[in-house]
Amino acid sequence: MSTDIDQVKAAFASYFAALNSRDMAQIEPLWVHDDAVTQVEPNSEVITVGWNGVRRNLASFFGGFSELKIVVADGPHVQVVGDVGWTTSITPADGKTTGGDTVKLRVCSTQVFERRGGVWLIRSNIALPTPQ
């Protein structure tokens, strides 16, 4: 039987596989869909709050890339307390924008997961650029 930490690690792996696909149909089911979810992407100037805004932000961010490869360089470091778990990792990304520009990011990311009906879903995602 897998532990809560193993289940959160599996949810984390599913999320990063979906991010690399840039396919919203794979990304959407991994999130809680309510007015309290939050998200910050590396290019964000504000915190996005609520599923409708998060969905638009994700679609806009990933729609701007023709290629994107995110890897996990350190982590995920996982903690779980009850029905809440969180991961912290360093996740470099290399990509190409739809305009043809090359992008290299080094990101520190934290995902907060909530267990709902036995499934770990993302409640918050914070992805901040690290100093180069």
Protein backbone atom coordinates (compact mmCIF):
# COMPACT_ATOMS: atom_id res chain seq x y z
CA MET A 1 0.00 0.00 0.00
CA SER A 2 1.39 3.40 -0.95
CA THR A 3 1.87 6.11 1.64
CA ASP A 4 0.44 9.62 1.43
CA ILE A 5 3.91 10.86 0.47
CA ASP A 6 4.06 8.32 -2.38
CA GLN A 7 0.63 9.44 -3.57
CA VAL A 8 1.61 13.13 -3.52
CA LYS A 9 4.81 12.27 -5.42
CA ALA A 10 2.69 10.47 -8.01
CA ALA A 11 0.35 13.49 -8.29
CA PHE A 12 3.41 15.73 -8.71
CA ALA A 13 4.79 13.47 -11.47
CA SER A 14 1.41 13.50 -13.24
CA TYR A 15 1.31 17.29 -13.08
CA PHE A 16 4.77 17.73 -14.59
CA ALA A 17 4.00 15.19 -17.33
CA ALA A 18 0.85 17.18 -18.12
CA LEU A 19 2.79 20.48 -18.10
CA ASN A 20 5.29 19.05 -20.57
CA SER A 21 2.41 18.03 -22.83
CA ARG A 22 1.13 21.64 -22.80
CA ASP A 23 -2.32 20.03 -23.19
CA MET A 24 -4.99 21.69 -21.05
CA ALA A 25 -7.13 18.52 -21.28
CA GLN A 26 -4.38 16.76 -19.29
CA ILE A 27 -3.66 19.68 -16.94
CA GLU A 28 -7.22 20.63 -15.93
CA PRO A 29 -8.29 17.41 -14.15
CA LEU A 30 -5.28 17.66 -11.82
CA TRP A 31 -6.56 20.88 -10.20
CA VAL A 32 -9.22 21.72 -7.63
CA HIS A 33 -11.84 23.77 -9.50
CA ASP A 34 -13.02 26.40 -7.02
CA ASP A 35 -12.70 30.10 -6.26
CA ALA A 36 -9.85 29.65 -3.76
CA VAL A 37 -7.14 28.01 -5.92
CA THR A 38 -4.06 30.15 -6.56
CA GLN A 39 -1.29 30.26 -9.09
CA VAL A 40 1.90 32.19 -9.86
CA GLU A 41 3.87 31.44 -13.03
CA PRO A 42 7.46 32.64 -13.62
CA ASN A 43 6.18 35.55 -15.72
CA SER A 44 3.31 36.49 -13.36
CA GLU A 45 3.01 39.99 -11.99
CA VAL A 46 0.05 39.13 -9.73
CA ILE A 47 -1.31 36.08 -7.94
CA THR A 48 -4.11 34.48 -9.92
CA VAL A 49 -7.01 33.44 -7.67
CA GLY A 50 -9.92 31.18 -8.64
CA TRP A 51 -10.17 28.33 -11.11
CA ASN A 52 -11.44 30.42 -14.04
CA GLY A 53 -8.47 32.77 -13.81
CA VAL A 54 -5.99 29.96 -13.20
CA ARG A 55 -7.30 28.07 -16.22
CA ARG A 56 -6.99 31.17 -18.45
CA ASN A 57 -3.49 31.86 -17.11
CA LEU A 58 -2.31 28.30 -17.70
CA ALA A 59 -3.76 28.22 -21.21
CA SER A 60 -2.13 31.55 -22.03
CA PHE A 61 1.25 30.59 -20.56
CA PHE A 62 1.50 27.20 -22.25
CA GLY A 63 -0.10 28.45 -25.46
CA GLY A 64 2.87 30.80 -25.85
CA PHE A 65 5.29 27.91 -26.38
CA SER A 66 5.83 25.75 -29.45
CA GLU A 67 8.27 23.61 -27.44
CA LEU A 68 8.72 23.24 -23.69
CA LYS A 69 10.64 20.74 -21.61
CA ILE A 70 10.50 21.01 -17.81
CA VAL A 71 12.74 18.73 -15.75
CA VAL A 72 13.05 18.23 -12.02
CA ALA A 73 16.63 18.97 -10.97
CA ASP A 74 16.09 18.83 -7.20
CA GLY A 75 13.10 17.29 -5.45
CA PRO A 76 10.31 16.94 -5.10
CA HIS A 77 10.66 17.41 -1.38
CA VAL A 78 7.28 16.29 -0.03
CA GLN A 79 5.44 16.88 3.20
CA VAL A 80 1.94 15.78 4.13
CA VAL A 81 -0.28 16.79 7.05
CA GLY A 82 -3.72 15.21 6.96
CA ASP A 83 -5.40 15.92 3.64
CA VAL A 84 -2.87 18.58 2.57
CA GLY A 85 0.48 17.87 0.98
CA TRP A 86 3.07 20.09 -0.63
CA THR A 87 6.09 19.69 -2.83
CA THR A 88 9.09 21.94 -3.38
CA SER A 89 11.52 21.48 -6.23
CA ILE A 90 13.91 23.16 -8.64
CA THR A 91 12.56 22.74 -12.15
CA PRO A 92 14.62 24.11 -15.05
CA ALA A 93 12.75 24.59 -18.31
CA ASP A 94 13.93 25.00 -21.88
CA GLY A 95 11.58 26.02 -24.61
CA LYS A 96 10.81 27.89 -27.74
CA THR A 97 8.07 30.47 -27.96
CA THR A 98 5.53 30.45 -30.76
CA GLY A 99 7.46 33.47 -32.08
CA GLY A 100 10.65 31.38 -32.31
CA ASP A 101 12.53 32.81 -29.31
CA THR A 102 14.54 30.43 -27.13
CA VAL A 103 13.64 30.49 -23.42
CA LYS A 104 15.68 29.06 -20.55
CA LEU A 105 14.19 29.23 -17.06
CA ARG A 106 15.39 27.97 -13.71
CA VAL A 107 12.39 27.82 -11.43
CA CYS A 108 11.74 27.03 -7.79
CA SER A 109 8.26 25.56 -7.66
CA THR A 110 5.90 24.68 -4.85
CA GLN A 111 2.63 22.85 -5.35
CA VAL A 112 0.04 22.50 -2.60
CA PHE A 113 -2.15 19.43 -2.99
CA GLU A 114 -5.46 18.68 -1.30
CA ARG A 115 -6.87 15.16 -1.00
CA ARG A 116 -10.45 15.11 -2.28
CA GLY A 117 -12.32 11.84 -2.53
CA GLY A 118 -9.04 9.96 -2.18
CA VAL A 119 -7.40 11.90 -5.06
CA TRP A 120 -4.61 14.46 -4.58
CA LEU A 121 -5.44 17.63 -6.54
CA ILE A 122 -3.52 20.88 -6.89
CA ARG A 123 -4.81 23.74 -4.76
CA SER A 124 -1.91 26.13 -5.38
CA ASN A 125 1.07 26.35 -7.72
CA ILE A 126 3.89 28.82 -7.24
CA ALA A 127 6.69 28.83 -9.82
CA LEU A 128 9.28 31.56 -9.28
CA PRO A 129 12.46 32.19 -11.26
CA THR A 130 15.64 31.55 -9.31
CA PRO A 131 18.74 33.75 -9.67
CA GLN A 132 20.95 32.69 -12.56
